[in-house]
Amino acid sequence: MKPVRSKKDMQSELEAQVQAFVASGGNINQVERGKSGLDHEKPWINPFKSGETEKSPPRTPVPDVIAAIDARKSPKKNKPKRRSKPTKKWILDDFGEPVRWVWSDES
């Protein structure tokens, strides 16, 4: 089982790394709170495009390809009808009063 590192251990390790960086001649720039690295004059740049002038490639309509794929699909087979559960049916007398009930298989 891995030993659990406490937050205090991680903070002290990070502080030691920072001190070693400064001792070896590194420089730390102070940035005022709330300052962003993004330029407010420029809009966000899409990382998937190589340049600002690059346009997305034109799309090619492919309805015939889609129709061919749909034609290869096998049609859905009809499922056999499920046998319905028996239902309780009342047997009524001539005056519409229930006499008894029976189980019936028909719907």
Protein backbone atom coordinates (compact mmCIF):
# COMPACT_ATOMS: atom_id res chain seq x y z
CA MET A 1 0.00 0.00 0.00
CA LYS A 2 1.30 3.44 -0.92
CA PRO A 3 2.09 5.74 1.97
CA VAL A 4 -0.32 8.66 2.15
CA ARG A 5 1.38 12.03 1.74
CA SER A 6 -0.05 14.75 3.88
CA LYS A 7 -0.70 18.25 2.63
CA LYS A 8 2.05 19.57 4.88
CA ASP A 9 4.57 17.14 3.35
CA MET A 10 3.64 18.23 -0.19
CA GLN A 11 3.89 21.93 0.76
CA SER A 12 7.32 21.48 2.32
CA GLU A 13 8.54 19.51 -0.73
CA LEU A 14 7.28 22.23 -3.09
CA GLU A 15 8.91 24.94 -0.95
CA ALA A 16 12.23 23.02 -1.06
CA GLN A 17 12.00 22.81 -4.87
CA VAL A 18 11.32 26.56 -5.13
CA GLN A 19 14.28 27.35 -2.82
CA ALA A 20 16.55 25.07 -4.89
CA PHE A 21 15.41 26.84 -8.08
CA VAL A 22 16.12 30.30 -6.62
CA ALA A 23 19.47 29.15 -5.18
CA SER A 24 20.58 27.89 -8.61
CA GLY A 25 20.00 31.34 -10.12
CA GLY A 26 16.33 31.07 -11.11
CA ASN A 27 14.11 34.12 -11.14
CA ILE A 28 10.48 34.32 -10.04
CA ASN A 29 8.34 37.10 -11.51
CA GLN A 30 5.62 38.51 -9.30
CA VAL A 31 2.24 38.95 -11.02
CA GLU A 32 -0.46 41.10 -9.52
CA ARG A 33 -3.59 39.32 -8.33
CA GLY A 34 -6.39 38.95 -10.92
CA LYS A 35 -4.08 39.54 -13.89
CA SER A 36 -4.61 37.18 -16.83
CA GLY A 37 -2.09 35.89 -19.32
CA LEU A 38 -4.58 36.40 -22.16
CA ASP A 39 -4.55 39.56 -24.24
CA HIS A 40 -7.85 41.41 -23.99
CA GLU A 41 -7.34 43.02 -27.40
CA LYS A 42 -7.19 39.68 -29.21
CA PRO A 43 -10.05 37.17 -29.19
CA TRP A 44 -9.49 33.58 -28.17
CA ILE A 45 -7.51 31.59 -30.76
CA ASN A 46 -8.68 28.11 -31.68
CA PRO A 47 -5.79 25.72 -30.90
CA PHE A 48 -6.89 23.35 -33.69
CA LYS A 49 -6.21 25.89 -36.45
CA SER A 50 -2.64 26.67 -37.43
CA GLY A 51 -3.27 30.33 -38.22
CA GLU A 52 -5.83 33.09 -38.00
CA THR A 53 -6.28 33.21 -41.77
CA GLU A 54 -6.91 29.48 -42.11
CA LYS A 55 -10.49 28.71 -42.98
CA SER A 56 -12.24 25.46 -42.27
CA PRO A 57 -12.23 23.12 -45.29
CA PRO A 58 -15.41 22.99 -47.39
CA ARG A 59 -17.78 20.18 -46.55
CA THR A 60 -18.62 17.54 -49.11
CA PRO A 61 -22.25 16.42 -49.31
CA VAL A 62 -22.49 12.61 -49.13
CA PRO A 63 -26.18 11.65 -49.33
CA ASP A 64 -25.42 8.81 -51.78
CA VAL A 65 -22.87 7.30 -49.37
CA ILE A 66 -25.32 7.52 -46.49
CA ALA A 67 -28.03 5.94 -48.63
CA ALA A 68 -25.68 3.05 -49.51
CA ILE A 69 -24.89 2.48 -45.84
CA ASP A 70 -28.58 2.52 -44.93
CA ALA A 71 -29.33 0.06 -47.74
CA ARG A 72 -26.80 -2.43 -46.31
CA LYS A 73 -28.45 -2.44 -42.92
CA SER A 74 -30.59 -5.46 -42.37
CA PRO A 75 -34.25 -4.71 -41.79
CA LYS A 76 -35.57 -5.28 -38.33
CA LYS A 77 -37.19 -8.64 -37.94
CA ASN A 78 -40.67 -8.77 -36.55
CA LYS A 79 -40.66 -10.12 -33.07
CA PRO A 80 -43.09 -12.94 -32.40
CA LYS A 81 -46.17 -11.74 -30.61
CA ARG A 82 -46.03 -12.24 -26.93
CA ARG A 83 -48.75 -14.31 -25.51
CA SER A 84 -50.91 -12.06 -23.44
CA LYS A 85 -51.50 -12.80 -19.83
CA PRO A 86 -54.87 -14.17 -18.86
CA THR A 87 -57.27 -11.53 -17.62
CA LYS A 88 -60.04 -11.67 -15.11
CA LYS A 89 -63.50 -11.40 -16.75
CA TRP A 90 -66.77 -11.05 -14.96
CA ILE A 91 -69.77 -13.17 -15.90
CA LEU A 92 -72.87 -11.02 -15.60
CA ASP A 93 -76.46 -12.06 -15.20
CA ASP A 94 -79.36 -10.72 -17.27
CA PHE A 95 -79.59 -7.60 -15.13
CA GLY A 96 -75.85 -6.72 -15.41
CA GLU A 97 -75.01 -7.87 -11.90
CA PRO A 98 -71.71 -9.80 -11.52
CA VAL A 99 -72.27 -13.48 -10.80
CA ARG A 100 -68.70 -14.76 -10.83
CA TRP A 101 -65.41 -14.17 -12.57
CA VAL A 102 -63.32 -16.41 -14.81
CA TRP A 103 -59.85 -16.22 -16.28
CA SER A 104 -59.86 -15.54 -20.02
CA ASP A 105 -56.92 -15.81 -22.46
CA GLU A 106 -58.42 -13.53 -25.09
CA SER A 107 -57.82 -9.78 -24.94
